[in-house]
Amino acid sequence: MEPHKIPRVDNVRMLDRYNSRNVCMGNLHVTSTHLCFVEHNNNKQTWILYMQITSVEKLPLTTTGSPLQIRCKTFRSVTFVIPRERDCHEVYSALLSLSKPVQVEDLYCFRYTSSDENIPKSAGWNFFDMQAEFQRMRVPNEQWSLKLLNQNYELCSSYPAILFVPATATRSILEGSAKFRSKGRLPVLTYLHKNKAAICRCSQPLSGFNARCLEDEKMLDCVLRTNGANHMVVVDTRPKINAMANRATGKGYENENFYDNIKFHFMGIENIHVMRNSLSKLIECCESRVRLISAFLNGLEVAGWLKHIKSVLDSSLFIAQAIESGVNVLVHCSDGWDRTAQVCSLASILLDPYYRTIQGYQAIIEKDWLNFGHKFSDRLGHLASDPKEISPVFTQFIDCTWQLLQQFPTAFQFNESFLLTIHDHSSSCRYGTFIGNSEKERAELKVKERTYSLWGYMANHMEEYINALYDFKAWNCVLFPNLASQNIRFWRGLFYRFEGGVHPREGIDELLLVTQNHSNSLEQHIKLLNKHHCWQCGDVFCTRCIDKHVALPGHLSQCSLPVCEPCYQKITGTASTES
C-alpha cells in the first residue's frame, strides 16, 4: 500500500450534527491505519479505523472551508471542515485508497500487532472444532455419517472440508446431488436436535422449468429417512416470485411432483439488494436533522428495516417449530450462504440453549457462517470490489439476536456489548476471523498463522460480555418469541450509539442490567474494604500492614476486627516489636 501524501491538517473543525454552534477545533492526523482527530482544548481524540469507513463524501464548500463527511460501518457519521480545499482533496483521496485496499494482503489484520502481551497470535484459533461440535450433537451415529469427499474442497469450494450427510447416501448420490445444486452446495446436516430432527442446508436446485435429478431426489429421501416422520419440510427463504424468476436462468426450486413426501414453504425474505437499500434508508433516517419523533417513525417505516428483521425471525421460528415437532427441515435460498445462514443459525439458537452461551454463539458463527461459506469479504466490503455484493446480512443476524435478547433477557449468557464487539470487528479487519469468503480462502491465506483471532481477544475481556441476569436453569428449553410487529424494536445501541444528544429513557431490562452490574461492583468494593481498611481510623492499607486484629471499644460487635499498626498500639497500649 502506497504511503499517503498528507500526514496532518491543522485547524480542522469537527461538526455536531444537531447543534451547528457546537464545533470542535483540532488537528487531523492521517496515520497508516487510522484517521485521528485531536481537539485543541482537551486533547480528546477521535479515532476512525480506515477499514470501517463505508463512504467518504466531499460536501459543497462553505465560508469556513471544505466539509468532508465520513460514514462508518459501525454507523458513526463524522463531518470535518478542512480550511483549504486542496488539503481536503488530498485527505479525501487518501481515505478512498486506505479504506478500500485492492489486494487482500493490504488488509489491516496482516499488519496488526496486539499491544496486549497476554494475547499470543495463536489464541482463539483452535477453540472451535467442527467434528467436536457435531460430536456434541452425537453425530456421527446410525443415521448420519462423516464424509471426507470435500477434503480438498473439490466437491464444493464454499463448503467446509468435513461434511455430515445421511449414512445411506452413497458417493454417487452425493456427487450427483452436488452437480444439480447451485455452486455445488448439496444438502448437508447443520444441526441435529435431541429429538433426532435435523436442519439441513443447501442451495437452490438447477431445475429450470422441468429438469430433474434422480440423485438429488434420492438425497432428499435419505434425509427424510433419518428419523421416523412421514414427511419433511423444504424451506425456500426467498419470495416465491423471485424463485420463479430464477427458473428462467435454469435454477429455481424443487418440483413437489418429483420429490416424495416433502412439504414446500416460501418464507419471503428479500434479497441482498433490497436489504442494502433498506439499510441505506435507515441510515438516512438516523442522520436526518429533523428532530421530530413523527418524522423519525415515518422514516423508520419507509426504510423497512424492522419489517425485514421480523421476516428473518418469522422464518427462523417456523423452522424451530417444525424441528420441535420432530420433522426434518431442508433450508435454502439462492446460493445458500446468506438467508440460509441467517435462519439456520437463529433457529438453532431458539432450539439449543448451548448456542445462547458465549462459547456456543461463537461456535454457531464459526459453523453456520464461516465454515459454510458466508461471503464476509464481499458482503462487508473488505476490498475494493463490486459494490452490489455488499449487503448487511450479518448485521441483520446480530440485530435478530438482540431482538431475542430483549424478549428473553435471562436466557442468554452474553450481553449487548458482546454483540456489538462481534458486529464491529467483523468489518474492522483487525482480526483474521472474518477475512475471506470461505474456509478454503482462509486456509489459502493462512490466517491462523498470520493474524490474530477475534475470539482470542474476546476471551481476554470476558468480564465485559457477561449478562448479569443470565439464568441457565430457567431457560434450558426451546424459545418461542412473540414476533408481533410491536415487539420488534429499533436497536438504538447499534444505530445511535455515537450520538451525543438526548437519548430515550432506558428500558426496564437495560436498567436491571446496569443495576445488577453496579451491585456486583459495590459487593466487590465492600469485600475489598472489609479486608484492607482499618476499622478504627478508616484508612486503607495493604494486607501486610493491616495484619492486627482487636476488639474495638464501643463497637457493637466485640469480635476482633482488622486494624492498622498505629491504631493497634493505641488500643492495646503496646509498642511494635517489629524492627
Foldseek 3Di string as FASTA:
>chain_A
DDDADDAKAAQKWKAALQDRVDIFTFMWGDDLFWIWTAGDPPRDIDIDGLLFWDDWDWDDADPQATWIWTAGVLQDIIIMGGRYPVVVVSVRVVSVPSNFPADPCSFQQLVDDDPDPVFDQLFPPPLEDPVVVVVVVVPPDQFKHKDQPCLVPPQAVFAFRIFIATPPQDPVLLSQQLVQFVRSFGWTFQDAAPLRATETEGAFGLQQPHRDTPSNLVRVVSNQPSDDDQAAEEEAAADQVVLNVCSNVRTHHDDPVSHPRYDYDYLHQYDQQLQAQLVVLLSVLVSDNPPDPVSSVVSNVVSCLLVNLLSLVVLLLVQLVCVVVPHYYYYYYHGGQFSVLLSVLSNCVLAALQCLEPSNVVNSCCRSHANNFNFLCQQLSSHPDDVSSHGCRVVSSLLNVVLVCVQVVQSHQWDPVSSSLVSSVSSSSNAPANPGGHPNVCVVVVRSVSGHHPSSVCVVVVVVTGQLNHDNVVNRGGDDDDSDSVSRDDDCCRNPVPRPDDDDDDDPSVVVRVVSVVVVVVVVVVVQQQQAAAPPPGDGDDNVQFVDWAQDPPDPDRGTGTHGQVVVCVVVVDHDPDD
